[in-house]
Each structure stands twice: as C-alpha cells, then as structure tokens.
Amino acid sequence: MQKVTLKVNGVQRQVDAGPEMVLIDLLREDLRLTGTKQSCDRKGQCGACTVIVNGKAVRSCITKVSTLEGADIISIEGLGTPENPHLLQEAFVLAGAVQCGFCTPGMIMAAKVLLDQNPNPDAAAIKRALARNLCRCTGYKKIIEAIQLAGRFMRGETTPRKYGLKSARKCWESRTPDRPR
C-alpha cells in the first residue's frame, strides 16, 4: 500500500492505495461519491466515469490512484448539488439532454473542461471534446445544444431563470437513484 495525498472536491485527503487501485473505486467505494458511473468494465471506452484531474478530463476507471499524488480531483458531486446546480447541469436539464442520466455526469465533466478552455465552442469542438463519452440512449444533438446553452449561461448572455427554470433539483434527484439523500 502507498499513501497518496490528493484533493477531492476541495477536501484534502490522504488515502491508502494499492498498485492496482483505480480512481473510480476510490470515489465510489471509499469516498461514497457515487455520481461517477462505470459502464465499460474498466476499459476506458465509454466516458461515464469521466472526472476532472488537474483541469483535464480523465477516465477514472483506468486512472491509477498511485499516480495522483498532489492531484486536484473534481467529481460531479464537486461541480454542483441538487440545491445549487452548476450552470452546465441546469443547461442539460433545460435542453432535455439528460435522457436516462447514466452518461450525464461524465458528459458534464468533459463539457466543463471544454468550456473552461473554450467558452464558446462550436459543434465540432464539442464533438471532439466528447469523443470518449458515449450515450446509448439517443443521438448527441441535445447534448451539444446543452453545452452551447451552458456556454451562453457562463458567458452571461442569458440565465436559466429566463427559461423558467428555478432549480434543477427535482430532475437531478430523479436521475441519481444511488445518490445518498
């Protein structure tokens, strides 16, 4: 076992990590942050497990904890809450991009990195940013629209309230059945 010091959602932690322990296990099993999903049997193919590590979108199912000394990690729980959702989360609700919700946390985390780097991405840039994220429910039209809408929110061009959304809380609670309440 190796002691690894890292920050998760703003909280400094020291964890014991075996050489094969991956980040998704630390998040879901040890820290009980279940918003990060696993779907591809830890092959890094679906993007449902995407989190932000040091400002980059990474697939937590193939990222070894032992390589994360000093890392700053943000999971979906660190981005927003049902009571105070991030603008990206509200945009996904407004654009109808949540579908079943399983891929949504990974999509949102990949989109957050994109919007941090490019606050006004075109559809091609969004498709490149989401190339490692799969949605099995539908096409990506509403997801692309949601990310563009989030960009407009983040640039201050409009607000969720102008769309009649006071809170995304009810939608997010219904989309995260394994989230502790």
N, C-alpha and C. Protein backbone atom coordinates (compact mmCIF):
# COMPACT_ATOMS: atom_id res chain seq x y z
N MET A 1 0.83 -1.18 0.00
CA MET A 1 0.00 0.00 0.00
C MET A 1 0.88 1.25 0.00
N GLN A 2 0.37 2.24 -0.69
CA GLN A 2 1.08 3.51 -0.80
C GLN A 2 0.15 4.61 -0.29
N LYS A 3 0.69 5.53 0.50
CA LYS A 3 -0.10 6.68 0.94
C LYS A 3 -0.06 7.73 -0.17
N VAL A 4 -1.24 8.21 -0.55
CA VAL A 4 -1.36 9.22 -1.60
C VAL A 4 -2.16 10.38 -1.02
N THR A 5 -1.58 11.57 -1.16
CA THR A 5 -2.28 12.78 -0.72
C THR A 5 -2.84 13.46 -1.96
N LEU A 6 -4.13 13.75 -1.91
CA LEU A 6 -4.79 14.40 -3.03
C LEU A 6 -5.97 15.21 -2.51
N LYS A 7 -6.52 16.01 -3.39
CA LYS A 7 -7.69 16.82 -3.04
C LYS A 7 -8.86 16.33 -3.88
N VAL A 8 -9.98 16.04 -3.22
CA VAL A 8 -11.18 15.60 -3.91
C VAL A 8 -12.31 16.58 -3.58
N ASN A 9 -12.80 17.25 -4.60
CA ASN A 9 -13.88 18.22 -4.43
C ASN A 9 -13.56 19.25 -3.35
N GLY A 10 -12.30 19.68 -3.36
CA GLY A 10 -11.87 20.73 -2.44
C GLY A 10 -11.43 20.26 -1.07
N VAL A 11 -11.53 18.96 -0.79
CA VAL A 11 -11.15 18.42 0.51
C VAL A 11 -9.84 17.65 0.38
N GLN A 12 -8.84 18.07 1.17
CA GLN A 12 -7.54 17.38 1.18
C GLN A 12 -7.71 16.04 1.85
N ARG A 13 -7.17 14.98 1.23
CA ARG A 13 -7.29 13.63 1.77
C ARG A 13 -5.96 12.89 1.63
N GLN A 14 -5.74 11.97 2.54
CA GLN A 14 -4.62 11.04 2.40
C GLN A 14 -5.25 9.65 2.39
N VAL A 15 -4.97 8.90 1.32
CA VAL A 15 -5.58 7.59 1.15
C VAL A 15 -4.51 6.53 1.00
N ASP A 16 -4.87 5.31 1.37
CA ASP A 16 -4.01 4.15 1.13
C ASP A 16 -4.44 3.53 -0.18
N ALA A 17 -3.49 3.39 -1.10
CA ALA A 17 -3.81 2.87 -2.42
C ALA A 17 -2.87 1.74 -2.80
N GLY A 18 -3.46 0.62 -3.18
CA GLY A 18 -2.66 -0.47 -3.72
C GLY A 18 -2.24 -0.11 -5.15
N PRO A 19 -1.30 -0.85 -5.71
CA PRO A 19 -0.78 -0.51 -7.04
C PRO A 19 -1.82 -0.61 -8.15
N GLU A 20 -2.88 -1.37 -7.96
CA GLU A 20 -3.89 -1.54 -8.99
C GLU A 20 -5.18 -0.75 -8.73
N MET A 21 -5.23 -0.04 -7.62
CA MET A 21 -6.46 0.70 -7.30
C MET A 21 -6.67 1.83 -8.31
N VAL A 22 -7.90 1.90 -8.85
CA VAL A 22 -8.23 2.95 -9.81
C VAL A 22 -9.12 3.99 -9.14
N LEU A 23 -9.12 5.17 -9.72
CA LEU A 23 -9.80 6.32 -9.15
C LEU A 23 -11.30 6.09 -8.95
N ILE A 24 -11.95 5.41 -9.87
CA ILE A 24 -13.39 5.18 -9.71
C ILE A 24 -13.69 4.41 -8.43
N ASP A 25 -12.82 3.47 -8.05
CA ASP A 25 -13.03 2.72 -6.82
C ASP A 25 -12.85 3.61 -5.59
N LEU A 26 -11.85 4.47 -5.62
CA LEU A 26 -11.66 5.41 -4.53
C LEU A 26 -12.90 6.29 -4.37
N LEU A 27 -13.37 6.84 -5.48
CA LEU A 27 -14.53 7.74 -5.43
C LEU A 27 -15.80 7.02 -4.97
N ARG A 28 -16.14 5.94 -5.63
CA ARG A 28 -17.42 5.27 -5.37
C ARG A 28 -17.40 4.44 -4.08
N GLU A 29 -16.35 3.67 -3.86
CA GLU A 29 -16.35 2.73 -2.73
C GLU A 29 -15.82 3.37 -1.45
N ASP A 30 -14.69 4.03 -1.53
CA ASP A 30 -14.08 4.57 -0.31
C ASP A 30 -14.72 5.89 0.10
N LEU A 31 -14.96 6.79 -0.84
CA LEU A 31 -15.48 8.11 -0.51
C LEU A 31 -16.99 8.22 -0.66
N ARG A 32 -17.64 7.18 -1.18
CA ARG A 32 -19.10 7.11 -1.37
C ARG A 32 -19.63 8.22 -2.27
N LEU A 33 -18.83 8.63 -3.24
CA LEU A 33 -19.24 9.60 -4.25
C LEU A 33 -19.70 8.80 -5.46
N THR A 34 -20.98 8.49 -5.50
CA THR A 34 -21.49 7.54 -6.49
C THR A 34 -21.99 8.18 -7.78
N GLY A 35 -21.81 9.47 -7.94
CA GLY A 35 -22.23 10.11 -9.19
C GLY A 35 -21.39 9.69 -10.37
N THR A 36 -20.16 9.32 -10.15
CA THR A 36 -19.28 8.83 -11.21
C THR A 36 -19.69 7.40 -11.52
N LYS A 37 -19.97 7.13 -12.79
CA LYS A 37 -20.52 5.83 -13.18
C LYS A 37 -19.49 4.95 -13.88
N GLN A 38 -19.73 3.64 -13.81
CA GLN A 38 -18.91 2.67 -14.53
C GLN A 38 -19.81 1.92 -15.49
N SER A 39 -19.36 1.81 -16.74
CA SER A 39 -20.22 1.15 -17.73
C SER A 39 -19.47 0.21 -18.66
N CYS A 40 -18.18 0.38 -18.84
CA CYS A 40 -17.47 -0.39 -19.88
C CYS A 40 -16.51 -1.43 -19.32
N ASP A 41 -16.77 -1.90 -18.12
CA ASP A 41 -15.90 -2.91 -17.50
C ASP A 41 -14.45 -2.46 -17.39
N ARG A 42 -14.26 -1.19 -17.09
CA ARG A 42 -12.92 -0.62 -16.82
C ARG A 42 -11.98 -0.72 -18.01
N LYS A 43 -12.54 -0.43 -19.17
CA LYS A 43 -11.73 -0.44 -20.38
C LYS A 43 -11.47 0.98 -20.89
N GLY A 44 -12.07 1.98 -20.25
CA GLY A 44 -11.86 3.37 -20.65
C GLY A 44 -12.51 3.71 -21.97
N GLN A 45 -13.61 3.02 -22.31
CA GLN A 45 -14.21 3.19 -23.62
C GLN A 45 -15.48 4.04 -23.64
N CYS A 46 -16.13 4.23 -22.49
CA CYS A 46 -17.46 4.86 -22.55
C CYS A 46 -17.52 6.29 -22.02
N GLY A 47 -16.62 6.68 -21.14
CA GLY A 47 -16.60 8.03 -20.60
C GLY A 47 -17.57 8.29 -19.47
N ALA A 48 -18.37 7.30 -19.07
CA ALA A 48 -19.32 7.51 -17.97
C ALA A 48 -18.60 7.85 -16.67
N CYS A 49 -17.35 7.46 -16.56
CA CYS A 49 -16.57 7.66 -15.34
C CYS A 49 -15.71 8.93 -15.39
N THR A 50 -15.92 9.79 -16.36
CA THR A 50 -15.07 10.98 -16.52
C THR A 50 -15.17 11.90 -15.31
N VAL A 51 -14.00 12.28 -14.81
CA VAL A 51 -13.86 13.29 -13.76
C VAL A 51 -12.78 14.26 -14.21
N ILE A 52 -12.60 15.32 -13.46
CA ILE A 52 -11.57 16.29 -13.78
C ILE A 52 -10.40 16.10 -12.82
N VAL A 53 -9.21 15.93 -13.39
CA VAL A 53 -7.98 15.81 -12.60
C VAL A 53 -7.02 16.88 -13.11
N ASN A 54 -6.67 17.79 -12.22
CA ASN A 54 -5.76 18.88 -12.56
C ASN A 54 -6.19 19.60 -13.83
N GLY A 55 -7.49 19.83 -13.95
CA GLY A 55 -8.02 20.60 -15.07
C GLY A 55 -8.23 19.82 -16.35
N LYS A 56 -8.00 18.51 -16.33
CA LYS A 56 -8.18 17.70 -17.53
C LYS A 56 -9.24 16.63 -17.30
N ALA A 57 -9.99 16.32 -18.35
CA ALA A 57 -10.98 15.24 -18.28
C ALA A 57 -10.24 13.91 -18.35
N VAL A 58 -10.46 13.07 -17.34
CA VAL A 58 -9.81 11.75 -17.32
C VAL A 58 -10.86 10.68 -17.06
N ARG A 59 -10.57 9.49 -17.55
CA ARG A 59 -11.44 8.34 -17.31
C ARG A 59 -10.97 7.67 -16.02
N SER A 60 -11.80 7.79 -15.00
CA SER A 60 -11.40 7.33 -13.66
C SER A 60 -11.30 5.81 -13.56
N CYS A 61 -11.88 5.08 -14.49
CA CYS A 61 -11.82 3.61 -14.42
C CYS A 61 -10.47 3.06 -14.83
N ILE A 62 -9.64 3.88 -15.45
CA ILE A 62 -8.30 3.41 -15.88
C ILE A 62 -7.18 4.28 -15.30
N THR A 63 -7.53 5.19 -14.39
CA THR A 63 -6.53 6.07 -13.78
C THR A 63 -6.13 5.51 -12.42
N LYS A 64 -4.89 5.12 -12.29
CA LYS A 64 -4.39 4.54 -11.04
C LYS A 64 -4.24 5.63 -9.97
N VAL A 65 -4.75 5.36 -8.80
CA VAL A 65 -4.66 6.31 -7.69
C VAL A 65 -3.20 6.59 -7.34
N SER A 66 -2.34 5.60 -7.47
CA SER A 66 -0.93 5.77 -7.12
C SER A 66 -0.23 6.84 -7.96
N THR A 67 -0.82 7.21 -9.08
CA THR A 67 -0.22 8.25 -9.95
C THR A 67 -0.77 9.65 -9.63
N LEU A 68 -1.60 9.76 -8.61
CA LEU A 68 -2.32 11.01 -8.37
C LEU A 68 -1.81 11.81 -7.17
N GLU A 69 -0.60 11.57 -6.74
CA GLU A 69 -0.03 12.33 -5.62
C GLU A 69 -0.13 13.83 -5.91
N GLY A 70 -0.77 14.56 -5.00
CA GLY A 70 -0.91 16.01 -5.13
C GLY A 70 -1.97 16.47 -6.11
N ALA A 71 -2.73 15.54 -6.67
CA ALA A 71 -3.72 15.89 -7.68
C ALA A 71 -4.93 16.61 -7.08
N ASP A 72 -5.55 17.43 -7.92
CA ASP A 72 -6.80 18.11 -7.59
C ASP A 72 -7.89 17.46 -8.44
N ILE A 73 -8.81 16.75 -7.79
CA ILE A 73 -9.83 15.96 -8.48
C ILE A 73 -11.20 16.57 -8.22
N ILE A 74 -11.99 16.68 -9.28
CA ILE A 74 -13.37 17.14 -9.14
C ILE A 74 -14.27 16.08 -9.76
N SER A 75 -15.20 15.58 -8.95
CA SER A 75 -16.22 14.66 -9.46
C SER A 75 -17.50 15.46 -9.66
N ILE A 76 -18.52 14.83 -10.18
CA ILE A 76 -19.79 15.52 -10.42
C ILE A 76 -20.34 16.12 -9.12
N GLU A 77 -20.10 15.47 -7.98
CA GLU A 77 -20.57 15.99 -6.70
C GLU A 77 -19.88 17.30 -6.33
N GLY A 78 -18.67 17.51 -6.83
CA GLY A 78 -17.94 18.74 -6.55
C GLY A 78 -18.28 19.87 -7.49
N LEU A 79 -19.01 19.57 -8.54
CA LEU A 79 -19.37 20.60 -9.52
C LEU A 79 -20.62 21.34 -9.10
N GLY A 80 -21.61 20.62 -8.64
CA GLY A 80 -22.86 21.24 -8.20
C GLY A 80 -23.64 20.25 -7.38
N THR A 81 -24.69 20.75 -6.77
CA THR A 81 -25.55 19.91 -5.94
C THR A 81 -27.00 20.09 -6.41
N PRO A 82 -27.89 19.22 -5.98
CA PRO A 82 -29.30 19.44 -6.34
C PRO A 82 -29.81 20.80 -5.85
N GLU A 83 -29.32 21.24 -4.71
CA GLU A 83 -29.75 22.53 -4.17
C GLU A 83 -29.10 23.70 -4.90
N ASN A 84 -27.91 23.50 -5.42
CA ASN A 84 -27.16 24.56 -6.08
C ASN A 84 -26.45 24.00 -7.31
N PRO A 85 -27.21 23.69 -8.35
CA PRO A 85 -26.59 23.06 -9.53
C PRO A 85 -25.70 24.03 -10.30
N HIS A 86 -24.69 23.46 -10.92
CA HIS A 86 -23.81 24.22 -11.81
C HIS A 86 -24.61 24.61 -13.05
N LEU A 87 -24.21 25.67 -13.70
CA LEU A 87 -24.91 26.10 -14.91
C LEU A 87 -24.94 25.01 -15.99
N LEU A 88 -23.91 24.20 -16.06
CA LEU A 88 -23.91 23.08 -17.01
C LEU A 88 -25.03 22.10 -16.69
N GLN A 89 -25.21 21.80 -15.43
CA GLN A 89 -26.28 20.88 -15.02
C GLN A 89 -27.64 21.46 -15.38
N GLU A 90 -27.83 22.74 -15.13
CA GLU A 90 -29.10 23.37 -15.47
C GLU A 90 -29.32 23.38 -16.99
N ALA A 91 -28.27 23.61 -17.75
CA ALA A 91 -28.39 23.60 -19.21
C ALA A 91 -28.77 22.22 -19.72
N PHE A 92 -28.22 21.16 -19.14
CA PHE A 92 -28.58 19.81 -19.55
C PHE A 92 -30.06 19.54 -19.30
N VAL A 93 -30.57 20.00 -18.16
CA VAL A 93 -31.99 19.83 -17.86
C VAL A 93 -32.83 20.61 -18.87
N LEU A 94 -32.50 21.87 -19.06
CA LEU A 94 -33.29 22.72 -19.95
C LEU A 94 -33.30 22.23 -21.39
N ALA A 95 -32.18 21.71 -21.85
CA ALA A 95 -32.07 21.25 -23.24
C ALA A 95 -32.61 19.83 -23.42
N GLY A 96 -33.02 19.19 -22.34
CA GLY A 96 -33.52 17.81 -22.44
C GLY A 96 -32.43 16.82 -22.76
N ALA A 97 -31.22 17.09 -22.27
CA ALA A 97 -30.06 16.26 -22.61
C ALA A 97 -29.77 15.19 -21.57
N VAL A 98 -30.65 14.98 -20.61
CA VAL A 98 -30.34 14.03 -19.55
C VAL A 98 -30.77 12.60 -19.85
N GLN A 99 -31.75 12.38 -20.70
CA GLN A 99 -32.22 11.03 -21.05
C GLN A 99 -32.28 10.14 -19.81
N CYS A 100 -31.60 8.99 -19.81
CA CYS A 100 -31.64 8.12 -18.64
C CYS A 100 -30.76 8.65 -17.52
N GLY A 101 -29.79 9.47 -17.85
CA GLY A 101 -28.93 10.11 -16.86
C GLY A 101 -27.65 9.36 -16.55
N PHE A 102 -27.47 8.15 -17.06
CA PHE A 102 -26.30 7.36 -16.69
C PHE A 102 -25.01 7.98 -17.21
N CYS A 103 -25.01 8.44 -18.45
CA CYS A 103 -23.80 9.03 -19.03
C CYS A 103 -23.63 10.50 -18.67
N THR A 104 -24.68 11.11 -18.14
CA THR A 104 -24.70 12.56 -17.93
C THR A 104 -23.56 13.08 -17.05
N PRO A 105 -23.23 12.47 -15.92
CA PRO A 105 -22.13 13.02 -15.13
C PRO A 105 -20.81 13.09 -15.92
N GLY A 106 -20.49 12.04 -16.66
CA GLY A 106 -19.26 12.06 -17.46
C GLY A 106 -19.31 13.10 -18.57
N MET A 107 -20.47 13.22 -19.21
CA MET A 107 -20.64 14.23 -20.26
C MET A 107 -20.43 15.64 -19.69
N ILE A 108 -21.05 15.88 -18.53
CA ILE A 108 -20.94 17.20 -17.92
C ILE A 108 -19.50 17.51 -17.53
N MET A 109 -18.80 16.54 -16.99
CA MET A 109 -17.42 16.79 -16.58
C MET A 109 -16.52 17.06 -17.80
N ALA A 110 -16.71 16.32 -18.88
CA ALA A 110 -15.94 16.58 -20.10
C ALA A 110 -16.30 17.94 -20.67
N ALA A 111 -17.58 18.31 -20.61
CA ALA A 111 -18.02 19.61 -21.10
C ALA A 111 -17.45 20.75 -20.26
N LYS A 112 -17.33 20.53 -18.96
CA LYS A 112 -16.77 21.56 -18.06
C LYS A 112 -15.34 21.88 -18.47
N VAL A 113 -14.55 20.86 -18.73
CA VAL A 113 -13.16 21.10 -19.15
C VAL A 113 -13.15 21.87 -20.47
N LEU A 114 -13.99 21.47 -21.41
CA LEU A 114 -14.07 22.17 -22.68
C LEU A 114 -14.42 23.64 -22.48
N LEU A 115 -15.48 23.91 -21.72
CA LEU A 115 -15.93 25.30 -21.54
C LEU A 115 -14.92 26.13 -20.75
N ASP A 116 -14.14 25.50 -19.89
CA ASP A 116 -13.08 26.23 -19.20
C ASP A 116 -12.01 26.68 -20.18
N GLN A 117 -11.77 25.88 -21.21
CA GLN A 117 -10.74 26.20 -22.21
C GLN A 117 -11.29 27.03 -23.36
N ASN A 118 -12.56 26.80 -23.70
CA ASN A 118 -13.18 27.46 -24.85
C ASN A 118 -14.63 27.80 -24.47
N PRO A 119 -14.88 29.01 -24.02
CA PRO A 119 -16.22 29.36 -23.54
C PRO A 119 -17.29 29.48 -24.63
N ASN A 120 -16.88 29.38 -25.89
CA ASN A 120 -17.85 29.49 -26.99
C ASN A 120 -17.55 28.44 -28.07
N PRO A 121 -17.66 27.15 -27.72
CA PRO A 121 -17.30 26.11 -28.68
C PRO A 121 -18.38 25.91 -29.74
N ASP A 122 -17.93 25.59 -30.95
CA ASP A 122 -18.90 25.22 -31.99
C ASP A 122 -19.17 23.71 -31.85
N ALA A 123 -20.10 23.21 -32.65
CA ALA A 123 -20.48 21.80 -32.56
C ALA A 123 -19.29 20.87 -32.80
N ALA A 124 -18.41 21.23 -33.70
CA ALA A 124 -17.25 20.37 -33.98
C ALA A 124 -16.33 20.27 -32.76
N ALA A 125 -16.12 21.37 -32.07
CA ALA A 125 -15.27 21.36 -30.87
C ALA A 125 -15.92 20.52 -29.77
N ILE A 126 -17.24 20.62 -29.64
CA ILE A 126 -17.95 19.83 -28.64
C ILE A 126 -17.84 18.34 -28.97
N LYS A 127 -18.01 18.00 -30.23
CA LYS A 127 -17.89 16.59 -30.62
C LYS A 127 -16.49 16.05 -30.32
N ARG A 128 -15.46 16.84 -30.57
CA ARG A 128 -14.09 16.41 -30.26
C ARG A 128 -13.93 16.21 -28.75
N ALA A 129 -14.46 17.14 -27.96
CA ALA A 129 -14.33 17.05 -26.50
C ALA A 129 -15.07 15.84 -25.94
N LEU A 130 -16.14 15.43 -26.60
CA LEU A 130 -16.94 14.30 -26.13
C LEU A 130 -16.63 12.99 -26.86
N ALA A 131 -15.56 12.97 -27.61
CA ALA A 131 -15.24 11.78 -28.42
C ALA A 131 -15.11 10.51 -27.59
N ARG A 132 -14.75 10.64 -26.32
CA ARG A 132 -14.59 9.46 -25.45
C ARG A 132 -15.80 9.21 -24.56
N ASN A 133 -16.88 9.95 -24.80
CA ASN A 133 -18.09 9.80 -23.99
C ASN A 133 -19.21 9.27 -24.87
N LEU A 134 -19.79 8.15 -24.45
CA LEU A 134 -20.87 7.54 -25.21
C LEU A 134 -22.21 7.70 -24.50
N CYS A 135 -23.23 7.98 -25.29
CA CYS A 135 -24.61 7.98 -24.81
C CYS A 135 -25.32 6.87 -25.58
N ARG A 136 -25.88 5.94 -24.86
CA ARG A 136 -26.54 4.81 -25.51
C ARG A 136 -28.03 5.05 -25.73
N CYS A 137 -28.55 6.16 -25.21
CA CYS A 137 -29.99 6.42 -25.32
C CYS A 137 -30.39 7.10 -26.63
N THR A 138 -29.57 7.98 -27.11
CA THR A 138 -30.02 8.86 -28.18
C THR A 138 -28.82 9.40 -28.95
N GLY A 139 -29.12 10.24 -29.88
CA GLY A 139 -28.06 10.97 -30.58
C GLY A 139 -27.54 12.05 -29.67
N TYR A 140 -26.63 12.84 -30.16
CA TYR A 140 -25.95 13.82 -29.33
C TYR A 140 -26.46 15.23 -29.54
N LYS A 141 -27.50 15.40 -30.35
CA LYS A 141 -27.99 16.74 -30.68
C LYS A 141 -28.33 17.56 -29.43
N LYS A 142 -29.10 17.00 -28.52
CA LYS A 142 -29.49 17.73 -27.32
C LYS A 142 -28.32 17.95 -26.38
N ILE A 143 -27.38 17.03 -26.37
CA ILE A 143 -26.19 17.19 -25.54
C ILE A 143 -25.36 18.36 -26.07
N ILE A 144 -25.18 18.43 -27.37
CA ILE A 144 -24.44 19.55 -27.98
C ILE A 144 -25.16 20.86 -27.69
N GLU A 145 -26.49 20.86 -27.84
CA GLU A 145 -27.27 22.07 -27.56
C GLU A 145 -27.13 22.48 -26.09
N ALA A 146 -27.10 21.50 -25.19
CA ALA A 146 -26.96 21.80 -23.77
C ALA A 146 -25.62 22.45 -23.47
N ILE A 147 -24.57 21.97 -24.09
CA ILE A 147 -23.24 22.53 -23.85
C ILE A 147 -23.16 23.94 -24.43
N GLN A 148 -23.74 24.15 -25.58
CA GLN A 148 -23.77 25.51 -26.14
C GLN A 148 -24.58 26.45 -25.25
N LEU A 149 -25.70 25.96 -24.72
CA LEU A 149 -26.51 26.77 -23.82
C LEU A 149 -25.73 27.08 -22.53
N ALA A 150 -25.04 26.09 -22.01
CA ALA A 150 -24.22 26.31 -20.81
C ALA A 150 -23.17 27.38 -21.08
N GLY A 151 -22.57 27.36 -22.26
CA GLY A 151 -21.61 28.39 -22.63
C GLY A 151 -22.25 29.78 -22.59
N ARG A 152 -23.47 29.87 -23.10
CA ARG A 152 -24.19 31.15 -23.06
C ARG A 152 -24.44 31.58 -21.62
N PHE A 153 -24.82 30.62 -20.76
CA PHE A 153 -25.02 30.94 -19.34
C PHE A 153 -23.71 31.43 -18.73
N MET A 154 -22.64 30.71 -18.98
CA MET A 154 -21.35 31.02 -18.36
C MET A 154 -20.77 32.33 -18.88
N ARG A 155 -21.10 32.69 -20.11
CA ARG A 155 -20.64 33.97 -20.66
C ARG A 155 -21.54 35.12 -20.24
N GLY A 156 -22.63 34.84 -19.54
CA GLY A 156 -23.54 35.86 -19.05
C GLY A 156 -24.51 36.39 -20.09
N GLU A 157 -24.68 35.66 -21.19
CA GLU A 157 -25.59 36.10 -22.26
C GLU A 157 -27.05 35.85 -21.91
N THR A 158 -27.31 34.87 -21.06
CA THR A 158 -28.66 34.55 -20.63
C THR A 158 -28.55 33.81 -19.31
N THR A 159 -29.69 33.48 -18.71
CA THR A 159 -29.70 32.77 -17.43
C THR A 159 -30.75 31.65 -17.47
N PRO A 160 -30.61 30.66 -16.61
CA PRO A 160 -31.62 29.61 -16.53
C PRO A 160 -33.00 30.16 -16.18
N ARG A 161 -33.06 31.20 -15.38
CA ARG A 161 -34.35 31.79 -14.99
C ARG A 161 -35.11 32.32 -16.20
N LYS A 162 -34.41 32.79 -17.22
CA LYS A 162 -35.08 33.27 -18.42
C LYS A 162 -35.79 32.14 -19.15
N TYR A 163 -35.40 30.92 -18.84
CA TYR A 163 -36.03 29.74 -19.44
C TYR A 163 -37.10 29.16 -18.52
N GLY A 164 -37.32 29.83 -17.39
CA GLY A 164 -38.36 29.39 -16.46
C GLY A 164 -37.90 28.33 -15.48
N LEU A 165 -36.61 28.04 -15.43
CA LEU A 165 -36.11 27.03 -14.51
C LEU A 165 -35.64 27.70 -13.22
N LYS A 166 -36.27 27.37 -12.12
CA LYS A 166 -35.86 27.91 -10.84
C LYS A 166 -34.80 27.01 -10.20
N SER A 167 -34.92 25.71 -10.43
CA SER A 167 -33.96 24.78 -9.87
C SER A 167 -34.02 23.46 -10.62
N ALA A 168 -32.87 22.87 -10.82
CA ALA A 168 -32.80 21.56 -11.46
C ALA A 168 -32.89 20.45 -10.43
N ARG A 169 -33.15 20.79 -9.18
CA ARG A 169 -33.11 19.83 -8.09
C ARG A 169 -33.97 18.59 -8.33
N LYS A 170 -35.22 18.76 -8.65
CA LYS A 170 -36.11 17.60 -8.80
C LYS A 170 -35.63 16.68 -9.91
N CYS A 171 -35.18 17.26 -11.01
CA CYS A 171 -34.70 16.44 -12.11
C CYS A 171 -33.45 15.67 -11.70
N TRP A 172 -32.49 16.33 -11.05
CA TRP A 172 -31.25 15.66 -10.67
C TRP A 172 -31.51 14.57 -9.65
N GLU A 173 -32.41 14.81 -8.71
CA GLU A 173 -32.70 13.76 -7.73
C GLU A 173 -33.31 12.54 -8.39
N SER A 174 -34.14 12.75 -9.40
CA SER A 174 -34.75 11.61 -10.07
C SER A 174 -33.76 10.89 -10.98
N ARG A 175 -32.67 11.54 -11.37
CA ARG A 175 -31.69 10.94 -12.27
C ARG A 175 -30.53 10.28 -11.54
N THR A 176 -30.46 10.41 -10.23
CA THR A 176 -29.34 9.84 -9.48
C THR A 176 -29.86 8.93 -8.37
N PRO A 177 -30.39 7.75 -8.73
CA PRO A 177 -31.02 6.88 -7.75
C PRO A 177 -30.07 6.37 -6.67
N ASP A 178 -28.78 6.28 -6.94
CA ASP A 178 -27.88 5.75 -5.93
C ASP A 178 -27.19 6.84 -5.13
N ARG A 179 -27.58 8.10 -5.32
CA ARG A 179 -27.01 9.21 -4.55
C ARG A 179 -27.62 9.20 -3.15
N PRO A 180 -26.77 9.25 -2.12
CA PRO A 180 -27.31 9.33 -0.76
C PRO A 180 -28.13 10.61 -0.58
N ARG A 181 -29.24 10.52 0.08
CA ARG A 181 -30.09 11.71 0.28
C ARG A 181 -30.06 12.17 1.71
